[in-house]
Amino acid sequence: MIITLLHIGCCLLPLLSLASLPSFAAGFWGRHHLLFTILQWTMFLWLSGRLVGFYFWKKNFHSRREAISYVIGWLIALSGLVINRWEPFKTEEQVLAEQHFERFKSHRQLRVDLTGTYNKDKLLTDLRQIEGVRKESIGLDKHAVTLSYHKGKVSDKEIFEVLKRKGYLK
């Protein structure tokens, strides 16, 4: 019984690494993702320990076939962890969604109510000169301007300062 459980542990459980593929993201595999990740890490570390003992401390396996099965199990567990972490088999929609999320995460929206009269073209020119403001996102209403900006390049306070300095705000 113990040998059967050990065999399941070293040869079959690394196949659970397949649970990290995108096609398994829904259903049972998706709901228990953390459990499978813990199993993957446990198997990877256990197999690594056995292989280190074999190669460095001369601990023997029963046969050459068992040693090869440990190496194959280790490679399967490692590939599952890599796939689980970086998912190289992403669909085009997943890649586009990630890019959109990164852009969304780094950009902010701003609406500023303007006071007094202003020259529309001069205002647009002044806003386009601010580093970090997305030029195509600038919109003008009657007494308000909306825009989006990259939060790493400019802050809303800096935009307000420019607008005050140019006379668009009091």
N, C-alpha and C. Protein backbone atom coordinates (compact mmCIF):
# COMPACT_ATOMS: atom_id res chain seq x y z
N MET A 1 0.82 -1.20 0.00
CA MET A 1 0.00 0.00 0.00
C MET A 1 0.87 1.26 0.00
N ILE A 2 1.90 1.28 0.84
CA ILE A 2 2.79 2.45 0.91
C ILE A 2 3.50 2.65 -0.43
N ILE A 3 3.97 1.56 -1.03
CA ILE A 3 4.66 1.67 -2.32
C ILE A 3 3.70 2.17 -3.39
N THR A 4 2.46 1.74 -3.36
CA THR A 4 1.46 2.22 -4.32
C THR A 4 1.22 3.71 -4.14
N LEU A 5 1.08 4.17 -2.90
CA LEU A 5 0.88 5.60 -2.65
C LEU A 5 2.09 6.42 -3.07
N LEU A 6 3.29 5.91 -2.81
CA LEU A 6 4.50 6.61 -3.24
C LEU A 6 4.58 6.67 -4.76
N HIS A 7 4.20 5.60 -5.42
CA HIS A 7 4.21 5.59 -6.87
C HIS A 7 3.20 6.61 -7.43
N ILE A 8 2.03 6.68 -6.82
CA ILE A 8 1.05 7.69 -7.23
C ILE A 8 1.62 9.08 -7.00
N GLY A 9 2.30 9.26 -5.87
CA GLY A 9 2.87 10.56 -5.55
C GLY A 9 3.95 11.00 -6.50
N CYS A 10 4.83 10.07 -6.90
CA CYS A 10 5.96 10.50 -7.73
C CYS A 10 5.66 10.49 -9.21
N CYS A 11 4.72 9.71 -9.66
CA CYS A 11 4.48 9.59 -11.10
C CYS A 11 3.17 10.19 -11.57
N LEU A 12 2.12 10.06 -10.80
CA LEU A 12 0.81 10.49 -11.27
C LEU A 12 0.43 11.91 -10.83
N LEU A 13 0.77 12.28 -9.62
CA LEU A 13 0.37 13.62 -9.16
C LEU A 13 1.01 14.75 -9.95
N PRO A 14 2.25 14.60 -10.46
CA PRO A 14 2.74 15.69 -11.31
C PRO A 14 1.89 15.94 -12.55
N LEU A 15 1.12 14.95 -12.97
CA LEU A 15 0.23 15.17 -14.10
C LEU A 15 -0.86 16.18 -13.78
N LEU A 16 -1.07 16.44 -12.50
CA LEU A 16 -2.02 17.49 -12.12
C LEU A 16 -1.54 18.85 -12.59
N SER A 17 -0.30 18.92 -13.02
CA SER A 17 0.21 20.16 -13.59
C SER A 17 -0.59 20.58 -14.80
N LEU A 18 -1.20 19.62 -15.46
CA LEU A 18 -2.04 19.95 -16.61
C LEU A 18 -3.22 20.84 -16.21
N ALA A 19 -3.56 20.83 -14.93
CA ALA A 19 -4.69 21.64 -14.47
C ALA A 19 -4.40 23.12 -14.62
N SER A 20 -3.14 23.50 -14.85
CA SER A 20 -2.83 24.92 -14.99
C SER A 20 -3.01 25.41 -16.42
N LEU A 21 -3.31 24.54 -17.36
CA LEU A 21 -3.54 24.99 -18.73
C LEU A 21 -4.83 25.80 -18.81
N PRO A 22 -4.91 26.77 -19.73
CA PRO A 22 -6.10 27.63 -19.82
C PRO A 22 -7.40 26.88 -20.06
N SER A 23 -7.35 25.74 -20.73
CA SER A 23 -8.59 25.00 -21.01
C SER A 23 -9.21 24.42 -19.74
N PHE A 24 -8.45 24.33 -18.65
CA PHE A 24 -8.96 23.79 -17.40
C PHE A 24 -9.37 24.90 -16.43
N ALA A 25 -9.41 26.16 -16.89
CA ALA A 25 -9.64 27.29 -15.99
C ALA A 25 -11.05 27.31 -15.41
N ALA A 26 -11.98 26.62 -16.02
CA ALA A 26 -13.35 26.62 -15.52
C ALA A 26 -13.65 25.32 -14.79
N GLY A 27 -14.73 25.32 -14.08
CA GLY A 27 -15.19 24.10 -13.42
C GLY A 27 -14.37 23.73 -12.20
N PHE A 28 -14.27 22.42 -11.98
CA PHE A 28 -13.61 21.89 -10.78
C PHE A 28 -12.16 22.36 -10.67
N TRP A 29 -11.41 22.34 -11.79
CA TRP A 29 -10.00 22.73 -11.76
C TRP A 29 -9.86 24.20 -11.37
N GLY A 30 -10.73 25.04 -11.92
CA GLY A 30 -10.66 26.47 -11.62
C GLY A 30 -11.02 26.80 -10.18
N ARG A 31 -12.03 26.08 -9.65
CA ARG A 31 -12.46 26.35 -8.27
C ARG A 31 -11.41 25.92 -7.25
N HIS A 32 -10.63 24.90 -7.59
CA HIS A 32 -9.64 24.37 -6.66
C HIS A 32 -8.22 24.65 -7.13
N HIS A 33 -8.04 25.79 -7.77
CA HIS A 33 -6.74 26.16 -8.32
C HIS A 33 -5.65 26.22 -7.24
N LEU A 34 -5.98 26.80 -6.11
CA LEU A 34 -4.99 26.92 -5.03
C LEU A 34 -4.55 25.54 -4.54
N LEU A 35 -5.48 24.62 -4.39
CA LEU A 35 -5.15 23.27 -3.97
C LEU A 35 -4.18 22.61 -4.96
N PHE A 36 -4.47 22.74 -6.25
CA PHE A 36 -3.59 22.14 -7.25
C PHE A 36 -2.23 22.82 -7.29
N THR A 37 -2.19 24.11 -7.06
CA THR A 37 -0.90 24.80 -7.00
C THR A 37 -0.08 24.30 -5.82
N ILE A 38 -0.71 24.12 -4.68
CA ILE A 38 -0.01 23.58 -3.51
C ILE A 38 0.48 22.16 -3.78
N LEU A 39 -0.36 21.34 -4.42
CA LEU A 39 0.07 19.98 -4.79
C LEU A 39 1.23 20.01 -5.77
N GLN A 40 1.19 20.93 -6.73
CA GLN A 40 2.29 21.04 -7.69
C GLN A 40 3.59 21.38 -6.98
N TRP A 41 3.56 22.39 -6.09
CA TRP A 41 4.76 22.79 -5.38
C TRP A 41 5.26 21.66 -4.47
N THR A 42 4.33 20.99 -3.80
CA THR A 42 4.72 19.89 -2.93
C THR A 42 5.40 18.79 -3.73
N MET A 43 4.81 18.41 -4.84
CA MET A 43 5.41 17.36 -5.67
C MET A 43 6.74 17.79 -6.25
N PHE A 44 6.81 19.04 -6.69
CA PHE A 44 8.06 19.53 -7.26
C PHE A 44 9.18 19.50 -6.22
N LEU A 45 8.89 19.98 -5.02
CA LEU A 45 9.91 19.99 -3.96
C LEU A 45 10.28 18.59 -3.52
N TRP A 46 9.30 17.70 -3.40
CA TRP A 46 9.58 16.33 -2.99
C TRP A 46 10.42 15.61 -4.03
N LEU A 47 10.03 15.74 -5.30
CA LEU A 47 10.81 15.13 -6.37
C LEU A 47 12.21 15.73 -6.46
N SER A 48 12.31 17.04 -6.25
CA SER A 48 13.63 17.68 -6.26
C SER A 48 14.50 17.12 -5.15
N GLY A 49 13.93 16.96 -3.96
CA GLY A 49 14.70 16.40 -2.84
C GLY A 49 15.18 14.98 -3.13
N ARG A 50 14.30 14.17 -3.70
CA ARG A 50 14.70 12.78 -4.05
C ARG A 50 15.81 12.77 -5.10
N LEU A 51 15.69 13.63 -6.11
CA LEU A 51 16.70 13.66 -7.16
C LEU A 51 18.03 14.22 -6.66
N VAL A 52 17.97 15.23 -5.81
CA VAL A 52 19.21 15.77 -5.22
C VAL A 52 19.89 14.68 -4.39
N GLY A 53 19.11 13.95 -3.61
CA GLY A 53 19.67 12.84 -2.82
C GLY A 53 20.30 11.78 -3.71
N PHE A 54 19.68 11.51 -4.85
CA PHE A 54 20.19 10.50 -5.78
C PHE A 54 21.49 10.96 -6.43
N TYR A 55 21.53 12.21 -6.89
CA TYR A 55 22.69 12.68 -7.64
C TYR A 55 23.85 13.15 -6.76
N PHE A 56 23.58 13.64 -5.56
CA PHE A 56 24.66 14.21 -4.74
C PHE A 56 25.03 13.35 -3.54
N TRP A 57 24.07 12.61 -2.99
CA TRP A 57 24.37 11.81 -1.80
C TRP A 57 24.27 10.31 -2.06
N LYS A 58 24.24 9.95 -3.32
CA LYS A 58 24.27 8.55 -3.75
C LYS A 58 23.18 7.69 -3.12
N LYS A 59 22.00 8.26 -2.89
CA LYS A 59 20.86 7.46 -2.45
C LYS A 59 20.31 6.76 -3.69
N ASN A 60 20.12 5.49 -3.63
CA ASN A 60 19.76 4.70 -4.80
C ASN A 60 18.26 4.59 -5.00
N PHE A 61 17.88 4.48 -6.27
CA PHE A 61 16.54 4.08 -6.64
C PHE A 61 16.55 2.57 -6.83
N HIS A 62 15.38 1.96 -6.91
CA HIS A 62 15.30 0.51 -7.09
C HIS A 62 15.84 0.08 -8.45
N SER A 63 15.60 0.92 -9.47
CA SER A 63 16.05 0.57 -10.81
C SER A 63 16.27 1.86 -11.60
N ARG A 64 16.86 1.68 -12.76
CA ARG A 64 17.08 2.83 -13.65
C ARG A 64 15.73 3.40 -14.13
N ARG A 65 14.75 2.54 -14.32
CA ARG A 65 13.42 2.97 -14.75
C ARG A 65 12.80 3.88 -13.69
N GLU A 66 12.98 3.56 -12.42
CA GLU A 66 12.44 4.42 -11.36
C GLU A 66 13.13 5.77 -11.37
N ALA A 67 14.43 5.81 -11.58
CA ALA A 67 15.16 7.08 -11.66
C ALA A 67 14.66 7.92 -12.82
N ILE A 68 14.43 7.29 -13.95
CA ILE A 68 13.91 8.01 -15.12
C ILE A 68 12.50 8.52 -14.85
N SER A 69 11.68 7.74 -14.17
CA SER A 69 10.32 8.19 -13.87
C SER A 69 10.33 9.40 -12.93
N TYR A 70 11.31 9.45 -12.01
CA TYR A 70 11.42 10.61 -11.14
C TYR A 70 11.83 11.84 -11.94
N VAL A 71 12.75 11.70 -12.87
CA VAL A 71 13.18 12.83 -13.68
C VAL A 71 12.03 13.31 -14.56
N ILE A 72 11.30 12.39 -15.16
CA ILE A 72 10.15 12.77 -15.98
C ILE A 72 9.08 13.45 -15.12
N GLY A 73 8.81 12.91 -13.94
CA GLY A 73 7.85 13.53 -13.03
C GLY A 73 8.29 14.93 -12.62
N TRP A 74 9.60 15.10 -12.39
CA TRP A 74 10.14 16.41 -12.02
C TRP A 74 9.95 17.40 -13.17
N LEU A 75 10.21 16.98 -14.40
CA LEU A 75 10.04 17.85 -15.57
C LEU A 75 8.57 18.22 -15.77
N ILE A 76 7.67 17.27 -15.55
CA ILE A 76 6.24 17.56 -15.67
C ILE A 76 5.81 18.56 -14.60
N ALA A 77 6.27 18.35 -13.37
CA ALA A 77 5.92 19.28 -12.29
C ALA A 77 6.48 20.67 -12.55
N LEU A 78 7.71 20.74 -13.03
CA LEU A 78 8.33 22.04 -13.34
C LEU A 78 7.58 22.74 -14.47
N SER A 79 7.25 22.00 -15.52
CA SER A 79 6.53 22.63 -16.63
C SER A 79 5.14 23.09 -16.18
N GLY A 80 4.50 22.33 -15.30
CA GLY A 80 3.20 22.77 -14.78
C GLY A 80 3.30 24.05 -13.98
N LEU A 81 4.37 24.18 -13.19
CA LEU A 81 4.56 25.42 -12.42
C LEU A 81 4.84 26.60 -13.34
N VAL A 82 5.63 26.36 -14.39
CA VAL A 82 5.91 27.43 -15.35
C VAL A 82 4.64 27.85 -16.06
N ILE A 83 3.87 26.87 -16.52
CA ILE A 83 2.61 27.18 -17.20
C ILE A 83 1.66 27.89 -16.24
N ASN A 84 1.62 27.44 -15.01
CA ASN A 84 0.75 28.04 -14.00
C ASN A 84 1.12 29.49 -13.76
N ARG A 85 2.40 29.80 -13.83
CA ARG A 85 2.86 31.16 -13.53
C ARG A 85 2.76 32.09 -14.74
N TRP A 86 3.24 31.64 -15.89
CA TRP A 86 3.34 32.53 -17.04
C TRP A 86 2.35 32.25 -18.15
N GLU A 87 1.67 31.16 -18.13
CA GLU A 87 0.68 30.78 -19.13
C GLU A 87 1.11 31.14 -20.55
N PRO A 88 2.05 30.41 -21.13
CA PRO A 88 2.50 30.76 -22.49
C PRO A 88 1.47 30.44 -23.57
N PHE A 89 0.41 29.71 -23.24
CA PHE A 89 -0.57 29.32 -24.24
C PHE A 89 -1.81 30.20 -24.19
N LYS A 90 -1.63 31.50 -24.02
CA LYS A 90 -2.76 32.41 -23.92
C LYS A 90 -3.37 32.65 -25.30
N THR A 91 -4.68 32.83 -25.28
CA THR A 91 -5.36 33.16 -26.52
C THR A 91 -5.16 34.65 -26.81
N GLU A 92 -5.47 35.04 -28.02
CA GLU A 92 -5.30 36.43 -28.41
C GLU A 92 -6.18 37.35 -27.56
N GLU A 93 -7.39 36.88 -27.22
CA GLU A 93 -8.28 37.69 -26.38
C GLU A 93 -7.70 37.91 -24.99
N GLN A 94 -7.04 36.87 -24.44
CA GLN A 94 -6.43 37.01 -23.12
C GLN A 94 -5.29 38.03 -23.16
N VAL A 95 -4.48 37.99 -24.21
CA VAL A 95 -3.36 38.93 -24.34
C VAL A 95 -3.90 40.35 -24.47
N LEU A 96 -4.91 40.55 -25.30
CA LEU A 96 -5.50 41.89 -25.47
C LEU A 96 -6.14 42.38 -24.18
N ALA A 97 -6.80 41.49 -23.46
CA ALA A 97 -7.41 41.88 -22.19
C ALA A 97 -6.35 42.30 -21.18
N GLU A 98 -5.23 41.58 -21.13
CA GLU A 98 -4.16 41.96 -20.21
C GLU A 98 -3.57 43.31 -20.58
N GLN A 99 -3.36 43.56 -21.87
CA GLN A 99 -2.83 44.85 -22.30
C GLN A 99 -3.80 45.98 -21.96
N HIS A 100 -5.09 45.73 -22.18
CA HIS A 100 -6.10 46.73 -21.85
C HIS A 100 -6.12 47.01 -20.36
N PHE A 101 -6.02 45.96 -19.55
CA PHE A 101 -6.01 46.14 -18.10
C PHE A 101 -4.78 46.92 -17.65
N GLU A 102 -3.61 46.63 -18.22
CA GLU A 102 -2.40 47.37 -17.85
C GLU A 102 -2.54 48.85 -18.20
N ARG A 103 -3.10 49.14 -19.38
CA ARG A 103 -3.31 50.53 -19.76
C ARG A 103 -4.33 51.19 -18.84
N PHE A 104 -5.39 50.46 -18.52
CA PHE A 104 -6.42 50.98 -17.62
C PHE A 104 -5.84 51.25 -16.24
N LYS A 105 -4.96 50.36 -15.77
CA LYS A 105 -4.37 50.49 -14.45
C LYS A 105 -3.45 51.70 -14.36
N SER A 106 -2.80 52.06 -15.46
CA SER A 106 -1.83 53.15 -15.41
C SER A 106 -2.41 54.50 -15.85
N HIS A 107 -3.65 54.53 -16.33
CA HIS A 107 -4.25 55.78 -16.77
C HIS A 107 -5.40 56.19 -15.85
N ARG A 108 -5.55 57.47 -15.70
CA ARG A 108 -6.62 58.03 -14.88
C ARG A 108 -7.43 59.01 -15.71
N GLN A 109 -8.69 59.18 -15.32
CA GLN A 109 -9.59 60.14 -15.96
C GLN A 109 -9.68 61.39 -15.09
N LEU A 110 -9.85 62.50 -15.74
CA LEU A 110 -9.96 63.77 -15.01
C LEU A 110 -10.99 64.66 -15.71
N ARG A 111 -11.83 65.28 -14.90
CA ARG A 111 -12.78 66.26 -15.41
C ARG A 111 -12.54 67.55 -14.64
N VAL A 112 -12.34 68.64 -15.38
CA VAL A 112 -12.05 69.94 -14.78
C VAL A 112 -13.09 70.93 -15.26
N ASP A 113 -13.76 71.58 -14.30
CA ASP A 113 -14.70 72.65 -14.65
C ASP A 113 -13.91 73.93 -14.80
N LEU A 114 -14.02 74.55 -15.97
CA LEU A 114 -13.27 75.76 -16.27
C LEU A 114 -14.06 76.99 -15.84
N THR A 115 -13.33 78.04 -15.50
CA THR A 115 -13.98 79.31 -15.11
C THR A 115 -13.61 80.37 -16.13
N GLY A 116 -14.54 81.23 -16.43
CA GLY A 116 -14.28 82.32 -17.36
C GLY A 116 -14.31 81.87 -18.81
N THR A 117 -13.85 82.76 -19.68
CA THR A 117 -13.82 82.47 -21.10
C THR A 117 -12.43 81.99 -21.49
N TYR A 118 -12.37 81.26 -22.58
CA TYR A 118 -11.08 80.72 -23.02
C TYR A 118 -11.12 80.49 -24.52
N ASN A 119 -9.96 80.44 -25.12
CA ASN A 119 -9.81 80.11 -26.53
C ASN A 119 -9.67 78.59 -26.61
N LYS A 120 -10.58 77.96 -27.31
CA LYS A 120 -10.62 76.50 -27.39
C LYS A 120 -9.31 75.93 -27.96
N ASP A 121 -8.83 76.51 -29.05
CA ASP A 121 -7.61 76.00 -29.67
C ASP A 121 -6.39 76.17 -28.76
N LYS A 122 -6.31 77.30 -28.07
CA LYS A 122 -5.19 77.53 -27.15
C LYS A 122 -5.24 76.56 -25.98
N LEU A 123 -6.44 76.30 -25.46
CA LEU A 123 -6.60 75.34 -24.37
C LEU A 123 -6.16 73.95 -24.80
N LEU A 124 -6.60 73.51 -25.98
CA LEU A 124 -6.19 72.20 -26.48
C LEU A 124 -4.68 72.12 -26.66
N THR A 125 -4.07 73.18 -27.17
CA THR A 125 -2.61 73.22 -27.35
C THR A 125 -1.91 73.13 -26.00
N ASP A 126 -2.41 73.88 -25.02
CA ASP A 126 -1.79 73.86 -23.69
C ASP A 126 -1.90 72.48 -23.04
N LEU A 127 -3.04 71.84 -23.20
CA LEU A 127 -3.22 70.50 -22.61
C LEU A 127 -2.36 69.45 -23.33
N ARG A 128 -2.22 69.58 -24.63
CA ARG A 128 -1.40 68.62 -25.39
C ARG A 128 0.08 68.74 -25.06
N GLN A 129 0.50 69.89 -24.58
CA GLN A 129 1.90 70.09 -24.23
C GLN A 129 2.28 69.45 -22.90
N ILE A 130 1.29 69.05 -22.11
CA ILE A 130 1.57 68.42 -20.80
C ILE A 130 2.01 66.98 -21.04
N GLU A 131 3.20 66.65 -20.58
CA GLU A 131 3.72 65.30 -20.71
C GLU A 131 2.87 64.32 -19.90
N GLY A 132 2.35 63.28 -20.55
CA GLY A 132 1.56 62.27 -19.87
C GLY A 132 0.07 62.36 -20.15
N VAL A 133 -0.40 63.46 -20.73
CA VAL A 133 -1.81 63.59 -21.08
C VAL A 133 -2.00 62.93 -22.44
N ARG A 134 -2.98 62.05 -22.54
CA ARG A 134 -3.28 61.39 -23.82
C ARG A 134 -3.98 62.39 -24.72
N LYS A 135 -3.31 62.74 -25.80
CA LYS A 135 -3.81 63.79 -26.70
C LYS A 135 -5.18 63.45 -27.29
N GLU A 136 -5.39 62.18 -27.65
CA GLU A 136 -6.65 61.80 -28.29
C GLU A 136 -7.81 61.70 -27.30
N SER A 137 -7.52 61.81 -26.01
CA SER A 137 -8.58 61.66 -25.01
C SER A 137 -9.16 63.00 -24.53
N ILE A 138 -8.60 64.08 -25.00
CA ILE A 138 -9.05 65.39 -24.53
C ILE A 138 -10.41 65.72 -25.15
N GLY A 139 -11.37 66.03 -24.29
CA GLY A 139 -12.70 66.41 -24.74
C GLY A 139 -13.13 67.71 -24.08
N LEU A 140 -13.77 68.57 -24.86
CA LEU A 140 -14.23 69.86 -24.34
C LEU A 140 -15.75 69.93 -24.36
N ASP A 141 -16.31 70.33 -23.23
CA ASP A 141 -17.72 70.68 -23.15
C ASP A 141 -17.78 72.20 -23.11
N LYS A 142 -18.94 72.73 -22.77
CA LYS A 142 -19.06 74.19 -22.75
C LYS A 142 -18.13 74.82 -21.71
N HIS A 143 -18.15 74.32 -20.46
CA HIS A 143 -17.30 74.88 -19.42
C HIS A 143 -16.54 73.79 -18.68
N ALA A 144 -16.21 72.71 -19.36
CA ALA A 144 -15.48 71.62 -18.71
C ALA A 144 -14.58 70.93 -19.73
N VAL A 145 -13.51 70.39 -19.22
CA VAL A 145 -12.60 69.61 -20.05
C VAL A 145 -12.44 68.23 -19.40
N THR A 146 -12.48 67.19 -20.21
CA THR A 146 -12.23 65.83 -19.73
C THR A 146 -11.02 65.29 -20.47
N LEU A 147 -10.23 64.52 -19.75
CA LEU A 147 -9.03 63.94 -20.36
C LEU A 147 -8.59 62.74 -19.55
N SER A 148 -7.73 61.95 -20.14
CA SER A 148 -7.10 60.86 -19.39
C SER A 148 -5.60 61.08 -19.46
N TYR A 149 -4.92 60.64 -18.41
CA TYR A 149 -3.48 60.87 -18.31
C TYR A 149 -2.81 59.65 -17.70
N HIS A 150 -1.54 59.54 -17.97
CA HIS A 150 -0.73 58.44 -17.43
C HIS A 150 -0.26 58.85 -16.04
N LYS A 151 -0.68 58.10 -15.04
CA LYS A 151 -0.40 58.49 -13.65
C LYS A 151 1.08 58.44 -13.29
N GLY A 152 1.88 57.71 -14.06
CA GLY A 152 3.32 57.65 -13.79
C GLY A 152 4.06 58.85 -14.34
N LYS A 153 3.46 59.58 -15.28
CA LYS A 153 4.14 60.71 -15.91
C LYS A 153 3.67 62.06 -15.39
N VAL A 154 2.41 62.15 -14.99
CA VAL A 154 1.86 63.42 -14.53
C VAL A 154 0.76 63.13 -13.50
N SER A 155 0.57 64.06 -12.59
CA SER A 155 -0.49 63.90 -11.59
C SER A 155 -1.60 64.90 -11.87
N ASP A 156 -2.74 64.66 -11.25
CA ASP A 156 -3.84 65.60 -11.44
C ASP A 156 -3.50 66.97 -10.88
N LYS A 157 -2.72 67.02 -9.82
CA LYS A 157 -2.30 68.31 -9.24
C LYS A 157 -1.46 69.11 -10.22
N GLU A 158 -0.58 68.43 -10.95
CA GLU A 158 0.25 69.12 -11.94
C GLU A 158 -0.61 69.67 -13.08
N ILE A 159 -1.63 68.92 -13.49
CA ILE A 159 -2.53 69.39 -14.53
C ILE A 159 -3.30 70.62 -14.05
N PHE A 160 -3.79 70.57 -12.79
CA PHE A 160 -4.48 71.73 -12.22
C PHE A 160 -3.56 72.94 -12.16
N GLU A 161 -2.31 72.73 -11.79
CA GLU A 161 -1.34 73.84 -11.72
C GLU A 161 -1.14 74.49 -13.08
N VAL A 162 -1.01 73.68 -14.12
CA VAL A 162 -0.84 74.23 -15.46
C VAL A 162 -2.07 75.03 -15.86
N LEU A 163 -3.25 74.47 -15.59
CA LEU A 163 -4.48 75.18 -15.93
C LEU A 163 -4.64 76.49 -15.14
N LYS A 164 -4.23 76.52 -13.87
CA LYS A 164 -4.27 77.76 -13.08
C LYS A 164 -3.27 78.77 -13.62
N ARG A 165 -2.07 78.30 -13.91
CA ARG A 165 -1.01 79.19 -14.40
C ARG A 165 -1.39 79.83 -15.74
N LYS A 166 -2.11 79.08 -16.58
CA LYS A 166 -2.51 79.60 -17.90
C LYS A 166 -3.80 80.41 -17.82
N GLY A 167 -4.44 80.46 -16.64
CA GLY A 167 -5.61 81.31 -16.46
C GLY A 167 -6.95 80.65 -16.73
N TYR A 168 -6.99 79.33 -16.81
CA TYR A 168 -8.25 78.65 -17.06
C TYR A 168 -9.00 78.36 -15.78
N LEU A 169 -8.33 78.40 -14.64
CA LEU A 169 -8.95 78.16 -13.33
C LEU A 169 -8.61 79.32 -12.41
N LYS A 170 -9.48 79.53 -11.43
CA LYS A 170 -9.19 80.57 -10.43
C LYS A 170 -8.54 79.98 -9.24
